[in-house]
Amino acid sequence: STSLPEYFVVPSSLADQDLKLYSYSFIGRRMPLWSWNHPNGSALVRMANIKDVLQQRRIDQRICNAITRSHPLRSDVYKSDLDKCLPNIQEIQAAHIKLKQLCVNEPFDETEEKWLSSLENTRWLEHIR
C-alpha cells in the first residue's frame, strides 16, 4: 500500500507470505496497522475494510488470533467499526468551514448565548470531542 508507512509492527505469528496474501483483501491494501500500545498491554490496531465479505470472517479471525497471541496478557481483541460512529471527512470539513465563518463573520456584540448556540450548530466541538 502506498498509504502505509514503510515499516510497521505486525504480530510475529503472521508470516510475511500471509501478510502479502491478506493485503490484497483489504481496500487499498491497507492491512492492519498496530498504531499504539498502552502500558497495560492494550493495543490499538486499525485496518481498512475487507473487500470480499465471504473471506472477511476468516481473515479477520486469523489476524485477531495473531494479535491475541502477541498480546502480553493474551487479552481478547475488541473490535469497533469506526465508520459507524465517527464523522466522515466531508462532515468535518463542513463543520470547520462553519466554525471559521462564525469566528470571522459573527460580531461578538451579539449575546453570548446566541454565539454559543451558533457554535454548537457548527458541530465542530462534537466532531473534535
N, C-alpha and C. Protein backbone atom coordinates (compact mmCIF):
# COMPACT_ATOMS: atom_id res chain seq x y z
N SER A 1 0.84 -1.18 0.00
CA SER A 1 0.00 0.00 0.00
C SER A 1 0.88 1.24 0.00
N THR A 2 0.53 2.19 -0.83
CA THR A 2 1.31 3.42 -0.89
C THR A 2 0.96 4.37 0.26
N SER A 3 -0.12 4.08 0.98
CA SER A 3 -0.53 4.99 2.05
C SER A 3 -0.11 4.50 3.44
N LEU A 4 0.55 3.36 3.53
CA LEU A 4 1.05 2.86 4.81
C LEU A 4 2.53 3.21 4.94
N PRO A 5 3.03 3.29 6.18
CA PRO A 5 4.46 3.56 6.36
C PRO A 5 5.31 2.42 5.82
N GLU A 6 6.57 2.71 5.59
CA GLU A 6 7.47 1.68 5.05
C GLU A 6 7.65 0.54 6.05
N TYR A 7 7.73 0.86 7.34
CA TYR A 7 7.90 -0.15 8.39
C TYR A 7 6.78 -0.01 9.40
N PHE A 8 6.25 -1.14 9.86
CA PHE A 8 5.24 -1.11 10.91
C PHE A 8 5.23 -2.44 11.65
N VAL A 9 4.63 -2.44 12.83
CA VAL A 9 4.62 -3.60 13.71
C VAL A 9 3.51 -4.56 13.29
N VAL A 10 3.85 -5.83 13.22
CA VAL A 10 2.86 -6.88 12.97
C VAL A 10 3.09 -8.00 13.98
N PRO A 11 2.06 -8.75 14.32
CA PRO A 11 2.25 -9.88 15.23
C PRO A 11 3.23 -10.88 14.63
N SER A 12 4.12 -11.41 15.46
CA SER A 12 5.17 -12.31 14.98
C SER A 12 4.61 -13.63 14.43
N SER A 13 3.39 -13.98 14.81
CA SER A 13 2.83 -15.24 14.32
C SER A 13 2.26 -15.14 12.91
N LEU A 14 2.24 -13.93 12.35
CA LEU A 14 1.80 -13.78 10.95
C LEU A 14 3.03 -13.80 10.05
N ALA A 15 3.08 -14.74 9.16
CA ALA A 15 4.21 -14.87 8.24
C ALA A 15 4.13 -13.80 7.16
N ASP A 16 5.30 -13.46 6.60
CA ASP A 16 5.35 -12.45 5.54
C ASP A 16 4.45 -12.82 4.37
N GLN A 17 4.45 -14.10 3.99
CA GLN A 17 3.62 -14.50 2.85
C GLN A 17 2.13 -14.36 3.18
N ASP A 18 1.75 -14.56 4.45
CA ASP A 18 0.36 -14.34 4.85
C ASP A 18 -0.01 -12.87 4.72
N LEU A 19 0.90 -12.01 5.17
CA LEU A 19 0.63 -10.57 5.08
C LEU A 19 0.46 -10.12 3.64
N LYS A 20 1.33 -10.60 2.78
CA LYS A 20 1.22 -10.23 1.36
C LYS A 20 -0.10 -10.73 0.77
N LEU A 21 -0.46 -11.97 1.11
CA LEU A 21 -1.70 -12.55 0.61
C LEU A 21 -2.91 -11.78 1.16
N TYR A 22 -2.92 -11.52 2.45
CA TYR A 22 -4.04 -10.82 3.07
C TYR A 22 -4.16 -9.39 2.58
N SER A 23 -3.04 -8.75 2.28
CA SER A 23 -3.08 -7.34 1.89
C SER A 23 -3.99 -7.10 0.69
N TYR A 24 -4.09 -8.06 -0.22
CA TYR A 24 -4.94 -7.91 -1.39
C TYR A 24 -6.42 -7.92 -1.02
N SER A 25 -6.75 -8.42 0.16
CA SER A 25 -8.14 -8.50 0.59
C SER A 25 -8.66 -7.20 1.17
N PHE A 26 -7.77 -6.29 1.55
CA PHE A 26 -8.17 -5.04 2.18
C PHE A 26 -8.30 -3.94 1.15
N ILE A 27 -9.29 -3.09 1.34
CA ILE A 27 -9.48 -1.94 0.46
C ILE A 27 -8.22 -1.09 0.50
N GLY A 28 -7.68 -0.79 -0.65
CA GLY A 28 -6.45 -0.01 -0.75
C GLY A 28 -5.23 -0.73 -0.22
N ARG A 29 -5.33 -2.05 -0.05
CA ARG A 29 -4.26 -2.89 0.51
C ARG A 29 -3.82 -2.38 1.88
N ARG A 30 -4.74 -1.72 2.60
CA ARG A 30 -4.44 -1.16 3.92
C ARG A 30 -4.70 -2.21 4.99
N MET A 31 -3.75 -3.10 5.14
CA MET A 31 -3.87 -4.15 6.12
C MET A 31 -3.72 -3.60 7.54
N PRO A 32 -3.95 -4.42 8.55
CA PRO A 32 -3.92 -3.92 9.93
C PRO A 32 -2.60 -3.26 10.28
N LEU A 33 -2.70 -2.15 10.98
CA LEU A 33 -1.54 -1.38 11.38
C LEU A 33 -1.61 -1.18 12.89
N TRP A 34 -0.62 -1.72 13.61
CA TRP A 34 -0.56 -1.59 15.06
C TRP A 34 -0.11 -0.17 15.33
N SER A 35 -1.04 0.70 15.78
CA SER A 35 -0.80 2.13 15.87
C SER A 35 -0.32 2.61 17.23
N TRP A 36 -0.72 1.92 18.28
CA TRP A 36 -0.45 2.44 19.62
C TRP A 36 -0.50 1.31 20.62
N ASN A 37 0.31 1.42 21.67
CA ASN A 37 0.34 0.41 22.72
C ASN A 37 0.23 1.10 24.07
N HIS A 38 -0.69 0.66 24.90
CA HIS A 38 -0.89 1.22 26.23
C HIS A 38 -0.02 0.44 27.22
N PRO A 39 0.45 1.07 28.29
CA PRO A 39 1.28 0.37 29.28
C PRO A 39 0.61 -0.89 29.87
N ASN A 40 -0.74 -0.93 29.87
CA ASN A 40 -1.40 -2.12 30.40
C ASN A 40 -1.42 -3.27 29.40
N GLY A 41 -0.86 -3.04 28.22
CA GLY A 41 -0.78 -4.08 27.21
C GLY A 41 -1.79 -3.95 26.10
N SER A 42 -2.76 -3.06 26.24
CA SER A 42 -3.77 -2.88 25.19
C SER A 42 -3.12 -2.30 23.94
N ALA A 43 -3.57 -2.77 22.82
CA ALA A 43 -3.04 -2.29 21.55
C ALA A 43 -4.16 -1.71 20.71
N LEU A 44 -3.86 -0.63 20.00
CA LEU A 44 -4.79 -0.06 19.05
C LEU A 44 -4.31 -0.45 17.66
N VAL A 45 -5.15 -1.21 16.97
CA VAL A 45 -4.83 -1.66 15.62
C VAL A 45 -5.93 -1.15 14.72
N ARG A 46 -5.55 -0.50 13.64
CA ARG A 46 -6.56 -0.02 12.70
C ARG A 46 -6.36 -0.70 11.36
N MET A 47 -7.47 -0.89 10.66
CA MET A 47 -7.38 -1.53 9.36
C MET A 47 -8.56 -1.11 8.50
N ALA A 48 -8.37 -1.24 7.21
CA ALA A 48 -9.43 -0.94 6.26
C ALA A 48 -10.39 -2.12 6.21
N ASN A 49 -11.52 -1.89 5.57
CA ASN A 49 -12.48 -2.98 5.40
C ASN A 49 -11.92 -4.04 4.46
N ILE A 50 -12.40 -5.26 4.66
CA ILE A 50 -12.02 -6.37 3.79
C ILE A 50 -13.00 -6.41 2.62
N LYS A 51 -12.47 -6.47 1.41
CA LYS A 51 -13.30 -6.40 0.20
C LYS A 51 -14.26 -7.57 0.07
N ASP A 52 -13.76 -8.78 0.22
CA ASP A 52 -14.55 -9.99 -0.01
C ASP A 52 -15.27 -10.39 1.28
N VAL A 53 -16.57 -10.18 1.30
CA VAL A 53 -17.35 -10.47 2.50
C VAL A 53 -17.25 -11.95 2.89
N LEU A 54 -17.13 -12.83 1.90
CA LEU A 54 -17.03 -14.26 2.20
C LEU A 54 -15.72 -14.60 2.91
N GLN A 55 -14.65 -13.89 2.59
CA GLN A 55 -13.34 -14.13 3.21
C GLN A 55 -13.14 -13.31 4.48
N GLN A 56 -14.02 -12.34 4.70
CA GLN A 56 -13.83 -11.39 5.79
C GLN A 56 -13.69 -12.09 7.14
N ARG A 57 -14.58 -12.99 7.46
CA ARG A 57 -14.56 -13.65 8.77
C ARG A 57 -13.27 -14.44 8.98
N ARG A 58 -12.84 -15.17 7.95
CA ARG A 58 -11.63 -16.00 8.07
C ARG A 58 -10.39 -15.13 8.27
N ILE A 59 -10.24 -14.10 7.44
CA ILE A 59 -9.07 -13.23 7.54
C ILE A 59 -9.10 -12.46 8.85
N ASP A 60 -10.25 -11.94 9.20
CA ASP A 60 -10.39 -11.18 10.44
C ASP A 60 -10.04 -12.06 11.65
N GLN A 61 -10.52 -13.29 11.66
CA GLN A 61 -10.24 -14.20 12.77
C GLN A 61 -8.75 -14.54 12.84
N ARG A 62 -8.12 -14.75 11.70
CA ARG A 62 -6.70 -15.08 11.66
C ARG A 62 -5.86 -13.93 12.23
N ILE A 63 -6.19 -12.72 11.83
CA ILE A 63 -5.44 -11.55 12.30
C ILE A 63 -5.70 -11.31 13.78
N CYS A 64 -6.95 -11.41 14.21
CA CYS A 64 -7.27 -11.21 15.63
C CYS A 64 -6.59 -12.26 16.51
N ASN A 65 -6.54 -13.50 16.05
CA ASN A 65 -5.86 -14.55 16.81
C ASN A 65 -4.36 -14.24 16.93
N ALA A 66 -3.77 -13.75 15.86
CA ALA A 66 -2.34 -13.40 15.89
C ALA A 66 -2.08 -12.25 16.87
N ILE A 67 -2.98 -11.28 16.89
CA ILE A 67 -2.83 -10.15 17.82
C ILE A 67 -2.97 -10.65 19.26
N THR A 68 -3.94 -11.52 19.52
CA THR A 68 -4.12 -12.07 20.86
C THR A 68 -2.89 -12.85 21.31
N ARG A 69 -2.33 -13.66 20.42
CA ARG A 69 -1.13 -14.43 20.78
C ARG A 69 0.06 -13.52 21.05
N SER A 70 0.11 -12.35 20.42
CA SER A 70 1.22 -11.42 20.60
C SER A 70 1.01 -10.49 21.80
N HIS A 71 -0.19 -10.45 22.32
CA HIS A 71 -0.52 -9.57 23.44
C HIS A 71 0.12 -10.11 24.72
N PRO A 72 0.78 -9.24 25.51
CA PRO A 72 1.45 -9.71 26.73
C PRO A 72 0.51 -10.41 27.72
N LEU A 73 -0.75 -9.98 27.77
CA LEU A 73 -1.71 -10.58 28.70
C LEU A 73 -2.66 -11.56 28.01
N ARG A 74 -2.42 -11.82 26.73
CA ARG A 74 -3.26 -12.70 25.92
C ARG A 74 -4.73 -12.25 25.94
N SER A 75 -4.92 -10.94 25.98
CA SER A 75 -6.27 -10.38 26.02
C SER A 75 -6.96 -10.55 24.67
N ASP A 76 -8.26 -10.75 24.73
CA ASP A 76 -9.05 -10.86 23.51
C ASP A 76 -9.11 -9.52 22.80
N VAL A 77 -9.34 -9.58 21.52
CA VAL A 77 -9.43 -8.37 20.69
C VAL A 77 -10.86 -7.83 20.78
N TYR A 78 -10.95 -6.54 21.02
CA TYR A 78 -12.23 -5.84 20.97
C TYR A 78 -12.25 -5.04 19.69
N LYS A 79 -13.28 -5.25 18.87
CA LYS A 79 -13.36 -4.56 17.59
C LYS A 79 -14.46 -3.51 17.61
N SER A 80 -14.17 -2.40 16.97
CA SER A 80 -15.15 -1.33 16.85
C SER A 80 -15.10 -0.78 15.43
N ASP A 81 -16.24 -0.74 14.79
CA ASP A 81 -16.32 -0.22 13.43
C ASP A 81 -16.50 1.29 13.50
N LEU A 82 -15.42 2.01 13.31
CA LEU A 82 -15.45 3.46 13.46
C LEU A 82 -16.20 4.16 12.34
N ASP A 83 -16.40 3.47 11.22
CA ASP A 83 -17.17 4.07 10.14
C ASP A 83 -18.59 4.39 10.59
N LYS A 84 -19.09 3.62 11.56
CA LYS A 84 -20.46 3.80 12.01
C LYS A 84 -20.60 4.86 13.08
N CYS A 85 -19.50 5.20 13.76
CA CYS A 85 -19.64 6.13 14.89
C CYS A 85 -18.82 7.41 14.74
N LEU A 86 -18.04 7.55 13.69
CA LEU A 86 -17.25 8.76 13.50
C LEU A 86 -17.72 9.51 12.26
N PRO A 87 -17.57 10.82 12.27
CA PRO A 87 -17.95 11.59 11.08
C PRO A 87 -16.96 11.34 9.95
N ASN A 88 -17.45 11.48 8.72
CA ASN A 88 -16.53 11.35 7.59
C ASN A 88 -15.82 12.67 7.36
N ILE A 89 -14.86 12.65 6.48
CA ILE A 89 -14.02 13.83 6.24
C ILE A 89 -14.83 15.02 5.73
N GLN A 90 -15.86 14.76 4.92
CA GLN A 90 -16.68 15.85 4.40
C GLN A 90 -17.46 16.55 5.53
N GLU A 91 -17.94 15.77 6.51
CA GLU A 91 -18.65 16.36 7.64
C GLU A 91 -17.72 17.21 8.50
N ILE A 92 -16.50 16.74 8.67
CA ILE A 92 -15.53 17.51 9.45
C ILE A 92 -15.16 18.80 8.73
N GLN A 93 -14.96 18.72 7.42
CA GLN A 93 -14.63 19.92 6.65
C GLN A 93 -15.77 20.93 6.67
N ALA A 94 -17.01 20.45 6.55
CA ALA A 94 -18.16 21.35 6.59
C ALA A 94 -18.27 22.04 7.95
N ALA A 95 -18.04 21.29 9.01
CA ALA A 95 -18.09 21.88 10.36
C ALA A 95 -16.99 22.91 10.54
N HIS A 96 -15.81 22.64 9.99
CA HIS A 96 -14.70 23.58 10.10
C HIS A 96 -14.99 24.88 9.35
N ILE A 97 -15.58 24.76 8.19
CA ILE A 97 -15.95 25.95 7.41
C ILE A 97 -16.96 26.79 8.18
N LYS A 98 -17.97 26.13 8.77
CA LYS A 98 -18.97 26.85 9.56
C LYS A 98 -18.33 27.53 10.76
N LEU A 99 -17.38 26.85 11.40
CA LEU A 99 -16.68 27.42 12.54
C LEU A 99 -15.90 28.67 12.12
N LYS A 100 -15.18 28.57 11.00
CA LYS A 100 -14.42 29.73 10.51
C LYS A 100 -15.34 30.90 10.21
N GLN A 101 -16.47 30.61 9.56
CA GLN A 101 -17.43 31.67 9.23
C GLN A 101 -17.96 32.32 10.51
N LEU A 102 -18.25 31.50 11.50
CA LEU A 102 -18.75 32.03 12.76
C LEU A 102 -17.73 32.93 13.44
N CYS A 103 -16.49 32.49 13.45
CA CYS A 103 -15.44 33.25 14.15
C CYS A 103 -15.05 34.52 13.41
N VAL A 104 -15.18 34.52 12.10
CA VAL A 104 -14.77 35.68 11.30
C VAL A 104 -15.94 36.63 11.06
N ASN A 105 -17.12 36.08 10.80
CA ASN A 105 -18.24 36.91 10.36
C ASN A 105 -19.22 37.33 11.45
N GLU A 106 -19.34 36.57 12.50
CA GLU A 106 -20.31 36.87 13.55
C GLU A 106 -19.75 37.91 14.51
N PRO A 107 -20.44 39.01 14.69
CA PRO A 107 -19.95 40.01 15.64
C PRO A 107 -20.12 39.51 17.08
N PHE A 108 -19.17 39.86 17.90
CA PHE A 108 -19.21 39.41 19.29
C PHE A 108 -20.11 40.29 20.15
N ASP A 109 -20.64 41.38 19.58
CA ASP A 109 -21.53 42.20 20.37
C ASP A 109 -22.93 41.59 20.49
N GLU A 110 -23.14 40.45 19.75
CA GLU A 110 -24.38 39.68 19.91
C GLU A 110 -24.36 39.08 21.31
N THR A 111 -25.48 38.58 21.73
CA THR A 111 -25.50 37.95 23.06
C THR A 111 -24.63 36.70 23.05
N GLU A 112 -24.00 36.46 24.15
CA GLU A 112 -23.12 35.29 24.27
C GLU A 112 -23.90 34.00 24.02
N GLU A 113 -25.14 33.98 24.49
CA GLU A 113 -25.97 32.78 24.32
C GLU A 113 -26.19 32.46 22.85
N LYS A 114 -26.45 33.50 22.05
CA LYS A 114 -26.67 33.28 20.61
C LYS A 114 -25.38 32.78 19.95
N TRP A 115 -24.24 33.35 20.33
CA TRP A 115 -22.98 32.93 19.73
C TRP A 115 -22.66 31.49 20.10
N LEU A 116 -22.87 31.13 21.35
CA LEU A 116 -22.62 29.75 21.79
C LEU A 116 -23.56 28.77 21.09
N SER A 117 -24.79 29.18 20.89
CA SER A 117 -25.74 28.35 20.16
C SER A 117 -25.28 28.16 18.71
N SER A 118 -24.80 29.24 18.11
CA SER A 118 -24.27 29.15 16.73
C SER A 118 -23.05 28.25 16.68
N LEU A 119 -22.20 28.33 17.70
CA LEU A 119 -21.03 27.45 17.78
C LEU A 119 -21.47 25.99 17.85
N GLU A 120 -22.45 25.71 18.66
CA GLU A 120 -22.95 24.34 18.78
C GLU A 120 -23.50 23.83 17.45
N ASN A 121 -24.18 24.71 16.71
CA ASN A 121 -24.77 24.33 15.42
C ASN A 121 -23.73 24.00 14.36
N THR A 122 -22.49 24.44 14.54
CA THR A 122 -21.45 24.08 13.57
C THR A 122 -21.09 22.60 13.67
N ARG A 123 -21.32 21.99 14.84
CA ARG A 123 -21.00 20.59 15.17
C ARG A 123 -19.49 20.36 15.28
N TRP A 124 -18.69 21.43 15.22
CA TRP A 124 -17.23 21.30 15.31
C TRP A 124 -16.80 20.68 16.64
N LEU A 125 -17.36 21.18 17.74
CA LEU A 125 -16.96 20.66 19.06
C LEU A 125 -17.37 19.19 19.21
N GLU A 126 -18.50 18.84 18.64
CA GLU A 126 -18.95 17.43 18.67
C GLU A 126 -17.95 16.54 17.93
N HIS A 127 -17.48 17.00 16.79
CA HIS A 127 -16.54 16.20 15.99
C HIS A 127 -15.17 16.07 16.65
N ILE A 128 -14.68 17.15 17.24
CA ILE A 128 -13.34 17.05 17.83
C ILE A 128 -13.37 16.37 19.20
N ARG A 129 -14.53 16.26 19.79
CA ARG A 129 -14.64 15.54 21.07
C ARG A 129 -14.21 14.12 20.89
